[in-house]
Amino acid sequence: MAVKKFVNPEDFIMTDLPLIVLQAQDTDTIGWLIRWRTNSQYNHSMFMRTPKYFASQGLTFKEIRVKDYIKKNMRFKFWQVKNITPVQRCMINKLIDERLNKPWWARRYDFLGIIGQATGLRWIQSPFGMYCSEQVSEALIWIGLDVPKKASPEDLNNYFKKNPDIFECVGYSIFED
């Protein structure tokens, strides 16, 4: 069994990035419902592509300072693509930049997609929005990885664990107070 490595998310440097971040918050009702429905430890996924910032799909897709994102009872798991090339790194950053530069309505959360996830009918979703793990999946597919397209955070976590030749867990963070 691997030893868990606890990390401070503000300590990652540019050469560590990008990271895929899985998140769980015990006090958030929507997050709890997502974890319950997907039988998951995690209710959110995002990228860290710049030190001290998460690129995250909230009500809109945006970059958020790590210190502003951390709340009580929050847990993170950090995954890295092993042997990512400079070209793949650039591709992820370009895709994130393109998303960030869209108008607000084109960066909004896919609330209809949550209904699709909740009912198990993943084809139900808005053509204009994305949910968090779909943002991550799309970027990983864009760089040539064969990840599930309409994945939940738990789907991503399971896929990463089943592919240790491609993905490595580089640490965990827990914020209790």
N, C-alpha and C. Protein backbone atom coordinates (compact mmCIF):
# COMPACT_ATOMS: atom_id res chain seq x y z
N MET A 1 0.84 -1.18 0.00
CA MET A 1 0.00 0.00 0.00
C MET A 1 0.89 1.25 0.00
N ALA A 2 0.54 2.21 -0.85
CA ALA A 2 1.32 3.44 -0.95
C ALA A 2 1.12 4.33 0.27
N VAL A 3 2.16 5.02 0.65
CA VAL A 3 2.09 5.96 1.76
C VAL A 3 1.49 7.27 1.23
N LYS A 4 0.53 7.82 1.97
CA LYS A 4 -0.08 9.08 1.55
C LYS A 4 0.87 10.23 1.84
N LYS A 5 1.05 11.07 0.86
CA LYS A 5 1.91 12.23 0.98
C LYS A 5 1.03 13.48 1.10
N PHE A 6 1.13 14.16 2.22
CA PHE A 6 0.35 15.37 2.41
C PHE A 6 1.15 16.56 1.92
N VAL A 7 0.48 17.43 1.14
CA VAL A 7 1.13 18.57 0.51
C VAL A 7 0.32 19.84 0.77
N ASN A 8 1.00 20.96 0.69
CA ASN A 8 0.34 22.25 0.71
C ASN A 8 0.13 22.66 -0.74
N PRO A 9 -1.12 22.86 -1.19
CA PRO A 9 -1.33 23.18 -2.60
C PRO A 9 -0.67 24.48 -3.06
N GLU A 10 -0.31 25.33 -2.12
CA GLU A 10 0.35 26.57 -2.51
C GLU A 10 1.86 26.38 -2.73
N ASP A 11 2.36 25.18 -2.44
CA ASP A 11 3.79 24.92 -2.60
C ASP A 11 4.18 24.36 -3.97
N PHE A 12 3.19 24.01 -4.81
CA PHE A 12 3.53 23.49 -6.13
C PHE A 12 4.16 24.60 -6.96
N ILE A 13 5.16 24.22 -7.75
CA ILE A 13 5.84 25.20 -8.62
C ILE A 13 5.54 24.85 -10.08
N MET A 14 5.92 25.73 -10.97
CA MET A 14 5.56 25.60 -12.38
C MET A 14 5.98 24.25 -12.98
N THR A 15 7.13 23.72 -12.57
CA THR A 15 7.58 22.44 -13.15
C THR A 15 6.74 21.26 -12.68
N ASP A 16 5.94 21.43 -11.62
CA ASP A 16 5.03 20.38 -11.15
C ASP A 16 3.74 20.34 -11.97
N LEU A 17 3.47 21.38 -12.71
CA LEU A 17 2.16 21.60 -13.32
C LEU A 17 2.14 21.19 -14.79
N PRO A 18 0.96 20.89 -15.33
CA PRO A 18 -0.36 20.99 -14.73
C PRO A 18 -0.67 19.78 -13.85
N LEU A 19 -1.54 20.00 -12.90
CA LEU A 19 -2.05 18.93 -12.04
C LEU A 19 -3.56 18.85 -12.22
N ILE A 20 -4.08 17.64 -12.12
CA ILE A 20 -5.51 17.44 -12.05
C ILE A 20 -5.84 17.35 -10.57
N VAL A 21 -6.80 18.14 -10.14
CA VAL A 21 -7.14 18.24 -8.72
C VAL A 21 -8.55 17.69 -8.52
N LEU A 22 -8.65 16.70 -7.64
CA LEU A 22 -9.96 16.20 -7.21
C LEU A 22 -10.23 16.79 -5.84
N GLN A 23 -11.47 17.20 -5.60
CA GLN A 23 -11.81 17.91 -4.37
C GLN A 23 -13.08 17.34 -3.75
N ALA A 24 -13.11 17.36 -2.43
CA ALA A 24 -14.32 17.00 -1.68
C ALA A 24 -14.48 17.99 -0.55
N GLN A 25 -15.72 18.40 -0.35
CA GLN A 25 -16.03 19.29 0.77
C GLN A 25 -17.22 18.71 1.50
N ASP A 26 -17.06 18.45 2.78
CA ASP A 26 -18.09 17.80 3.57
C ASP A 26 -19.26 18.70 3.94
N THR A 27 -19.10 20.01 3.86
CA THR A 27 -20.16 20.91 4.30
C THR A 27 -20.99 21.48 3.16
N ASP A 28 -20.71 21.11 1.93
CA ASP A 28 -21.42 21.63 0.76
C ASP A 28 -22.51 20.65 0.35
N THR A 29 -23.78 21.09 0.33
CA THR A 29 -24.90 20.21 0.04
C THR A 29 -24.84 19.64 -1.37
N ILE A 30 -24.58 20.48 -2.35
CA ILE A 30 -24.51 19.99 -3.73
C ILE A 30 -23.36 19.01 -3.88
N GLY A 31 -22.22 19.34 -3.29
CA GLY A 31 -21.08 18.43 -3.33
C GLY A 31 -21.39 17.10 -2.68
N TRP A 32 -22.09 17.14 -1.54
CA TRP A 32 -22.47 15.91 -0.85
C TRP A 32 -23.39 15.08 -1.74
N LEU A 33 -24.36 15.74 -2.41
CA LEU A 33 -25.27 15.01 -3.30
C LEU A 33 -24.52 14.37 -4.47
N ILE A 34 -23.55 15.08 -5.02
CA ILE A 34 -22.75 14.51 -6.12
C ILE A 34 -21.99 13.28 -5.63
N ARG A 35 -21.37 13.40 -4.47
CA ARG A 35 -20.61 12.26 -3.93
C ARG A 35 -21.54 11.09 -3.63
N TRP A 36 -22.72 11.37 -3.10
CA TRP A 36 -23.68 10.31 -2.79
C TRP A 36 -24.15 9.62 -4.06
N ARG A 37 -24.51 10.40 -5.09
CA ARG A 37 -25.04 9.83 -6.33
C ARG A 37 -23.98 9.02 -7.07
N THR A 38 -22.74 9.49 -7.06
CA THR A 38 -21.67 8.80 -7.80
C THR A 38 -20.91 7.82 -6.92
N ASN A 39 -21.33 7.69 -5.65
CA ASN A 39 -20.66 6.80 -4.70
C ASN A 39 -19.16 7.11 -4.68
N SER A 40 -18.87 8.37 -4.46
CA SER A 40 -17.52 8.88 -4.63
C SER A 40 -16.98 9.54 -3.39
N GLN A 41 -15.68 9.62 -3.32
CA GLN A 41 -15.02 10.44 -2.30
C GLN A 41 -14.97 11.89 -2.74
N TYR A 42 -15.09 12.15 -4.04
CA TYR A 42 -14.85 13.48 -4.60
C TYR A 42 -16.10 14.01 -5.32
N ASN A 43 -16.28 15.33 -5.22
CA ASN A 43 -17.42 15.95 -5.88
C ASN A 43 -17.01 17.01 -6.91
N HIS A 44 -15.72 17.23 -7.08
CA HIS A 44 -15.28 18.28 -8.00
C HIS A 44 -13.91 17.93 -8.56
N SER A 45 -13.66 18.38 -9.79
CA SER A 45 -12.34 18.22 -10.38
C SER A 45 -11.99 19.50 -11.15
N MET A 46 -10.69 19.76 -11.23
CA MET A 46 -10.22 21.00 -11.87
C MET A 46 -8.74 20.84 -12.19
N PHE A 47 -8.18 21.86 -12.82
CA PHE A 47 -6.75 21.88 -13.10
C PHE A 47 -6.05 22.91 -12.23
N MET A 48 -4.80 22.63 -11.92
CA MET A 48 -3.88 23.64 -11.42
C MET A 48 -2.82 23.74 -12.51
N ARG A 49 -2.79 24.87 -13.18
CA ARG A 49 -1.83 25.05 -14.27
C ARG A 49 -0.88 26.20 -14.00
N THR A 50 -1.20 26.98 -12.99
CA THR A 50 -0.39 28.11 -12.57
C THR A 50 -0.20 27.99 -11.07
N PRO A 51 0.99 28.18 -10.55
CA PRO A 51 1.16 28.09 -9.10
C PRO A 51 0.17 29.01 -8.36
N LYS A 52 -0.41 28.45 -7.31
CA LYS A 52 -1.31 29.16 -6.41
C LYS A 52 -2.69 29.46 -7.00
N TYR A 53 -3.03 28.86 -8.18
CA TYR A 53 -4.34 29.07 -8.80
C TYR A 53 -4.93 27.76 -9.28
N PHE A 54 -6.25 27.65 -9.15
CA PHE A 54 -6.99 26.54 -9.75
C PHE A 54 -7.79 27.09 -10.93
N ALA A 55 -7.83 26.36 -12.03
CA ALA A 55 -8.73 26.65 -13.15
C ALA A 55 -9.94 25.75 -12.91
N SER A 56 -11.05 26.37 -12.51
CA SER A 56 -12.17 25.60 -11.96
C SER A 56 -13.50 25.98 -12.59
N GLN A 57 -14.33 24.98 -12.79
CA GLN A 57 -15.68 25.19 -13.29
C GLN A 57 -16.61 25.36 -12.10
N GLY A 58 -16.92 26.59 -11.79
CA GLY A 58 -17.95 26.88 -10.79
C GLY A 58 -19.18 27.31 -11.55
N LEU A 59 -19.84 28.38 -11.11
CA LEU A 59 -20.96 28.91 -11.89
C LEU A 59 -20.47 29.31 -13.28
N THR A 60 -19.22 29.80 -13.35
CA THR A 60 -18.53 30.00 -14.62
C THR A 60 -17.13 29.41 -14.50
N PHE A 61 -16.52 29.13 -15.62
CA PHE A 61 -15.15 28.62 -15.62
C PHE A 61 -14.22 29.80 -15.41
N LYS A 62 -13.36 29.72 -14.39
CA LYS A 62 -12.43 30.81 -14.09
C LYS A 62 -11.25 30.29 -13.29
N GLU A 63 -10.23 31.14 -13.17
CA GLU A 63 -9.10 30.82 -12.31
C GLU A 63 -9.35 31.45 -10.94
N ILE A 64 -9.08 30.67 -9.91
CA ILE A 64 -9.34 31.09 -8.54
C ILE A 64 -8.08 30.87 -7.72
N ARG A 65 -7.74 31.83 -6.89
CA ARG A 65 -6.57 31.65 -6.03
C ARG A 65 -6.82 30.49 -5.07
N VAL A 66 -5.81 29.67 -4.89
CA VAL A 66 -5.92 28.52 -4.00
C VAL A 66 -6.36 28.96 -2.61
N LYS A 67 -5.75 30.02 -2.08
CA LYS A 67 -6.08 30.44 -0.71
C LYS A 67 -7.53 30.89 -0.59
N ASP A 68 -8.15 31.35 -1.68
CA ASP A 68 -9.56 31.73 -1.64
C ASP A 68 -10.48 30.53 -1.80
N TYR A 69 -9.96 29.45 -2.31
CA TYR A 69 -10.74 28.26 -2.59
C TYR A 69 -10.85 27.34 -1.37
N ILE A 70 -9.82 27.37 -0.53
CA ILE A 70 -9.75 26.46 0.60
C ILE A 70 -10.75 26.87 1.68
N LYS A 71 -11.53 25.88 2.11
CA LYS A 71 -12.53 26.10 3.16
C LYS A 71 -12.43 24.97 4.18
N LYS A 72 -13.14 25.14 5.26
CA LYS A 72 -13.17 24.12 6.31
C LYS A 72 -13.72 22.80 5.74
N ASN A 73 -13.15 21.71 6.20
CA ASN A 73 -13.55 20.35 5.80
C ASN A 73 -13.39 20.09 4.30
N MET A 74 -12.34 20.63 3.72
CA MET A 74 -12.04 20.46 2.30
C MET A 74 -10.87 19.50 2.16
N ARG A 75 -11.00 18.59 1.18
CA ARG A 75 -9.93 17.64 0.88
C ARG A 75 -9.59 17.71 -0.61
N PHE A 76 -8.31 17.56 -0.91
CA PHE A 76 -7.84 17.57 -2.29
C PHE A 76 -6.97 16.35 -2.54
N LYS A 77 -7.00 15.88 -3.76
CA LYS A 77 -6.09 14.85 -4.24
C LYS A 77 -5.50 15.36 -5.55
N PHE A 78 -4.18 15.30 -5.67
CA PHE A 78 -3.48 15.87 -6.82
C PHE A 78 -2.90 14.76 -7.70
N TRP A 79 -3.29 14.77 -8.97
CA TRP A 79 -2.81 13.81 -9.95
C TRP A 79 -1.97 14.53 -11.00
N GLN A 80 -0.96 13.83 -11.47
CA GLN A 80 -0.08 14.37 -12.50
C GLN A 80 -0.02 13.39 -13.66
N VAL A 81 0.02 13.93 -14.87
CA VAL A 81 0.25 13.09 -16.05
C VAL A 81 1.74 12.83 -16.11
N LYS A 82 2.12 11.56 -16.01
CA LYS A 82 3.54 11.22 -16.09
C LYS A 82 4.04 11.49 -17.51
N ASN A 83 5.26 11.91 -17.61
CA ASN A 83 5.91 12.10 -18.90
C ASN A 83 5.14 13.02 -19.84
N ILE A 84 4.47 14.01 -19.29
CA ILE A 84 3.78 14.97 -20.14
C ILE A 84 4.82 15.74 -20.94
N THR A 85 4.55 15.93 -22.21
CA THR A 85 5.51 16.63 -23.06
C THR A 85 5.27 18.14 -22.97
N PRO A 86 6.27 18.93 -23.34
CA PRO A 86 6.05 20.39 -23.40
C PRO A 86 4.90 20.77 -24.34
N VAL A 87 4.75 20.05 -25.42
CA VAL A 87 3.66 20.33 -26.37
C VAL A 87 2.31 20.05 -25.70
N GLN A 88 2.19 18.93 -25.00
CA GLN A 88 0.93 18.61 -24.30
C GLN A 88 0.63 19.64 -23.22
N ARG A 89 1.65 20.06 -22.51
CA ARG A 89 1.49 21.09 -21.48
C ARG A 89 0.94 22.38 -22.11
N CYS A 90 1.52 22.76 -23.22
CA CYS A 90 1.06 23.96 -23.95
C CYS A 90 -0.38 23.79 -24.44
N MET A 91 -0.70 22.61 -24.91
CA MET A 91 -2.06 22.36 -25.41
C MET A 91 -3.09 22.53 -24.30
N ILE A 92 -2.80 22.00 -23.11
CA ILE A 92 -3.72 22.16 -21.98
C ILE A 92 -3.87 23.64 -21.63
N ASN A 93 -2.75 24.35 -21.56
CA ASN A 93 -2.81 25.78 -21.23
C ASN A 93 -3.58 26.57 -22.29
N LYS A 94 -3.38 26.23 -23.55
CA LYS A 94 -4.09 26.92 -24.63
C LYS A 94 -5.59 26.67 -24.53
N LEU A 95 -5.98 25.44 -24.27
CA LEU A 95 -7.40 25.11 -24.13
C LEU A 95 -8.02 25.87 -22.95
N ILE A 96 -7.32 25.91 -21.83
CA ILE A 96 -7.81 26.65 -20.67
C ILE A 96 -7.90 28.14 -20.98
N ASP A 97 -6.88 28.70 -21.65
CA ASP A 97 -6.94 30.11 -22.04
C ASP A 97 -8.14 30.40 -22.94
N GLU A 98 -8.38 29.51 -23.91
CA GLU A 98 -9.52 29.69 -24.81
C GLU A 98 -10.83 29.69 -24.02
N ARG A 99 -10.96 28.81 -23.06
CA ARG A 99 -12.18 28.76 -22.23
C ARG A 99 -12.33 30.02 -21.41
N LEU A 100 -11.22 30.47 -20.81
CA LEU A 100 -11.27 31.66 -19.96
C LEU A 100 -11.62 32.92 -20.76
N ASN A 101 -11.30 32.95 -22.04
CA ASN A 101 -11.55 34.11 -22.88
C ASN A 101 -12.95 34.13 -23.50
N LYS A 102 -13.73 33.09 -23.28
CA LYS A 102 -15.10 33.07 -23.79
C LYS A 102 -15.98 34.02 -22.97
N PRO A 103 -17.10 34.47 -23.54
CA PRO A 103 -18.03 35.28 -22.74
C PRO A 103 -18.59 34.44 -21.59
N TRP A 104 -19.08 35.11 -20.56
CA TRP A 104 -19.53 34.42 -19.34
C TRP A 104 -20.54 33.32 -19.64
N TRP A 105 -21.46 33.58 -20.56
CA TRP A 105 -22.52 32.60 -20.82
C TRP A 105 -21.96 31.34 -21.47
N ALA A 106 -20.81 31.42 -22.14
CA ALA A 106 -20.18 30.25 -22.75
C ALA A 106 -19.25 29.55 -21.77
N ARG A 107 -19.05 30.13 -20.59
CA ARG A 107 -18.22 29.51 -19.55
C ARG A 107 -19.06 29.00 -18.38
N ARG A 108 -20.37 29.10 -18.51
CA ARG A 108 -21.23 28.75 -17.38
C ARG A 108 -21.30 27.24 -17.14
N TYR A 109 -21.70 26.91 -15.95
CA TYR A 109 -21.82 25.52 -15.52
C TYR A 109 -22.96 24.83 -16.27
N ASP A 110 -22.82 23.57 -16.54
CA ASP A 110 -23.85 22.79 -17.21
C ASP A 110 -24.79 22.18 -16.18
N PHE A 111 -25.77 22.97 -15.75
CA PHE A 111 -26.73 22.46 -14.77
C PHE A 111 -27.57 21.33 -15.35
N LEU A 112 -27.89 21.40 -16.63
CA LEU A 112 -28.64 20.33 -17.28
C LEU A 112 -27.83 19.03 -17.26
N GLY A 113 -26.51 19.14 -17.41
CA GLY A 113 -25.63 17.96 -17.36
C GLY A 113 -25.66 17.28 -16.00
N ILE A 114 -25.88 18.04 -14.94
CA ILE A 114 -26.00 17.44 -13.60
C ILE A 114 -27.23 16.54 -13.55
N ILE A 115 -28.31 16.97 -14.20
CA ILE A 115 -29.51 16.11 -14.26
C ILE A 115 -29.17 14.83 -15.00
N GLY A 116 -28.42 14.95 -16.09
CA GLY A 116 -27.99 13.76 -16.82
C GLY A 116 -27.13 12.84 -15.97
N GLN A 117 -26.20 13.43 -15.21
CA GLN A 117 -25.37 12.62 -14.31
C GLN A 117 -26.24 11.97 -13.22
N ALA A 118 -27.16 12.75 -12.65
CA ALA A 118 -27.98 12.25 -11.54
C ALA A 118 -28.89 11.11 -11.97
N THR A 119 -29.39 11.16 -13.21
CA THR A 119 -30.30 10.12 -13.69
C THR A 119 -29.58 8.97 -14.38
N GLY A 120 -28.26 9.13 -14.58
CA GLY A 120 -27.52 8.10 -15.30
C GLY A 120 -27.64 8.23 -16.81
N LEU A 121 -28.31 9.29 -17.27
CA LEU A 121 -28.47 9.55 -18.71
C LEU A 121 -27.49 10.65 -19.09
N ARG A 122 -26.24 10.30 -19.23
CA ARG A 122 -25.17 11.28 -19.39
C ARG A 122 -25.25 12.07 -20.69
N TRP A 123 -26.09 11.65 -21.61
CA TRP A 123 -26.27 12.41 -22.86
C TRP A 123 -27.10 13.67 -22.62
N ILE A 124 -27.79 13.74 -21.49
CA ILE A 124 -28.56 14.95 -21.17
C ILE A 124 -27.59 16.02 -20.69
N GLN A 125 -27.45 17.06 -21.49
CA GLN A 125 -26.59 18.17 -21.09
C GLN A 125 -26.80 19.35 -22.02
N SER A 126 -26.35 20.49 -21.58
CA SER A 126 -26.47 21.72 -22.37
C SER A 126 -25.37 21.76 -23.42
N PRO A 127 -25.69 22.24 -24.62
CA PRO A 127 -24.64 22.39 -25.62
C PRO A 127 -23.74 23.60 -25.33
N PHE A 128 -24.11 24.42 -24.36
CA PHE A 128 -23.37 25.65 -24.08
C PHE A 128 -22.51 25.60 -22.83
N GLY A 129 -22.73 24.66 -21.94
CA GLY A 129 -21.98 24.61 -20.70
C GLY A 129 -21.30 23.28 -20.49
N MET A 130 -20.43 23.24 -19.49
CA MET A 130 -19.75 22.00 -19.12
C MET A 130 -19.75 21.90 -17.60
N TYR A 131 -19.69 20.68 -17.10
CA TYR A 131 -19.48 20.51 -15.68
C TYR A 131 -18.01 20.22 -15.45
N CYS A 132 -17.59 20.25 -14.21
CA CYS A 132 -16.16 20.27 -13.86
C CYS A 132 -15.35 19.13 -14.45
N SER A 133 -15.79 17.91 -14.25
CA SER A 133 -14.99 16.77 -14.70
C SER A 133 -15.01 16.65 -16.22
N GLU A 134 -16.03 17.18 -16.86
CA GLU A 134 -16.06 17.19 -18.32
C GLU A 134 -14.97 18.12 -18.85
N GLN A 135 -14.73 19.23 -18.15
CA GLN A 135 -13.65 20.15 -18.53
C GLN A 135 -12.30 19.42 -18.48
N VAL A 136 -12.09 18.66 -17.42
CA VAL A 136 -10.82 17.93 -17.26
C VAL A 136 -10.69 16.84 -18.32
N SER A 137 -11.76 16.06 -18.50
CA SER A 137 -11.73 14.98 -19.50
C SER A 137 -11.40 15.52 -20.89
N GLU A 138 -12.08 16.60 -21.26
CA GLU A 138 -11.87 17.16 -22.60
C GLU A 138 -10.42 17.57 -22.81
N ALA A 139 -9.81 18.18 -21.81
CA ALA A 139 -8.40 18.60 -21.94
C ALA A 139 -7.48 17.39 -22.07
N LEU A 140 -7.75 16.34 -21.31
CA LEU A 140 -6.89 15.15 -21.38
C LEU A 140 -7.07 14.41 -22.71
N ILE A 141 -8.29 14.39 -23.22
CA ILE A 141 -8.53 13.82 -24.54
C ILE A 141 -7.83 14.65 -25.61
N TRP A 142 -7.86 15.96 -25.45
CA TRP A 142 -7.23 16.91 -26.38
C TRP A 142 -5.73 16.63 -26.54
N ILE A 143 -5.08 16.18 -25.44
CA ILE A 143 -3.64 15.90 -25.53
C ILE A 143 -3.35 14.44 -25.90
N GLY A 144 -4.41 13.69 -26.25
CA GLY A 144 -4.20 12.34 -26.78
C GLY A 144 -4.39 11.21 -25.80
N LEU A 145 -4.94 11.49 -24.62
CA LEU A 145 -5.17 10.42 -23.65
C LEU A 145 -6.59 9.88 -23.80
N ASP A 146 -6.74 8.59 -23.54
CA ASP A 146 -8.02 7.91 -23.74
C ASP A 146 -8.79 7.83 -22.42
N VAL A 147 -9.26 8.98 -21.95
CA VAL A 147 -10.02 9.03 -20.70
C VAL A 147 -11.51 9.06 -21.02
N PRO A 148 -12.36 8.67 -20.06
CA PRO A 148 -13.81 8.74 -20.31
C PRO A 148 -14.24 10.17 -20.60
N LYS A 149 -15.07 10.35 -21.63
CA LYS A 149 -15.46 11.69 -22.08
C LYS A 149 -16.39 12.40 -21.09
N LYS A 150 -17.39 11.76 -20.61
CA LYS A 150 -18.36 12.38 -19.71
C LYS A 150 -18.19 11.82 -18.30
N ALA A 151 -16.99 11.92 -17.81
CA ALA A 151 -16.62 11.33 -16.53
C ALA A 151 -17.11 12.16 -15.35
N SER A 152 -17.38 11.48 -14.26
CA SER A 152 -17.59 12.15 -12.98
C SER A 152 -16.21 12.27 -12.32
N PRO A 153 -16.08 13.05 -11.25
CA PRO A 153 -14.79 13.07 -10.56
C PRO A 153 -14.34 11.67 -10.13
N GLU A 154 -15.28 10.84 -9.69
CA GLU A 154 -14.91 9.48 -9.28
C GLU A 154 -14.47 8.64 -10.47
N ASP A 155 -15.13 8.82 -11.63
CA ASP A 155 -14.70 8.11 -12.84
C ASP A 155 -13.25 8.45 -13.16
N LEU A 156 -12.91 9.74 -13.06
CA LEU A 156 -11.53 10.16 -13.32
C LEU A 156 -10.58 9.52 -12.31
N ASN A 157 -10.93 9.59 -11.03
CA ASN A 157 -10.07 9.02 -9.99
C ASN A 157 -9.83 7.53 -10.24
N ASN A 158 -10.89 6.80 -10.56
CA ASN A 158 -10.75 5.36 -10.84
C ASN A 158 -9.90 5.11 -12.08
N TYR A 159 -10.10 5.90 -13.10
CA TYR A 159 -9.31 5.75 -14.32
C TYR A 159 -7.83 6.01 -14.05
N PHE A 160 -7.55 7.06 -13.30
CA PHE A 160 -6.15 7.39 -12.98
C PHE A 160 -5.51 6.25 -12.18
N LYS A 161 -6.24 5.71 -11.20
CA LYS A 161 -5.70 4.62 -10.38
C LYS A 161 -5.44 3.36 -11.21
N LYS A 162 -6.27 3.12 -12.21
CA LYS A 162 -6.12 1.93 -13.06
C LYS A 162 -5.02 2.10 -14.12
N ASN A 163 -4.50 3.31 -14.24
CA ASN A 163 -3.47 3.58 -15.25
C ASN A 163 -2.23 4.24 -14.63
N PRO A 164 -1.56 3.51 -13.72
CA PRO A 164 -0.40 4.10 -13.03
C PRO A 164 0.80 4.34 -13.94
N ASP A 165 0.78 3.77 -15.13
CA ASP A 165 1.86 4.05 -16.09
C ASP A 165 1.69 5.43 -16.72
N ILE A 166 0.47 6.00 -16.63
CA ILE A 166 0.19 7.31 -17.22
C ILE A 166 0.01 8.39 -16.16
N PHE A 167 -0.62 8.03 -15.04
CA PHE A 167 -0.97 9.01 -14.00
C PHE A 167 -0.33 8.67 -12.67
N GLU A 168 0.05 9.70 -11.93
CA GLU A 168 0.65 9.52 -10.62
C GLU A 168 -0.02 10.47 -9.62
N CYS A 169 -0.43 9.90 -8.49
CA CYS A 169 -0.93 10.75 -7.41
C CYS A 169 0.27 11.36 -6.70
N VAL A 170 0.33 12.69 -6.68
CA VAL A 170 1.50 13.36 -6.10
C VAL A 170 1.21 13.91 -4.70
N GLY A 171 -0.01 13.72 -4.20
CA GLY A 171 -0.26 14.15 -2.84
C GLY A 171 -1.71 14.45 -2.53
N TYR A 172 -1.94 14.70 -1.25
CA TYR A 172 -3.25 14.99 -0.69
C TYR A 172 -3.14 16.22 0.20
N SER A 173 -4.27 16.91 0.34
CA SER A 173 -4.36 18.01 1.30
C SER A 173 -5.69 17.88 2.04
N ILE A 174 -5.66 18.14 3.33
CA ILE A 174 -6.88 18.12 4.15
C ILE A 174 -6.88 19.39 4.98
N PHE A 175 -8.01 20.11 4.92
CA PHE A 175 -8.17 21.35 5.69
C PHE A 175 -9.37 21.17 6.60
N GLU A 176 -9.12 21.01 7.89
CA GLU A 176 -10.20 20.73 8.84
C GLU A 176 -10.67 21.95 9.59
N ASP A 177 -9.87 22.95 9.73
CA ASP A 177 -10.28 24.14 10.49
C ASP A 177 -10.11 25.39 9.69
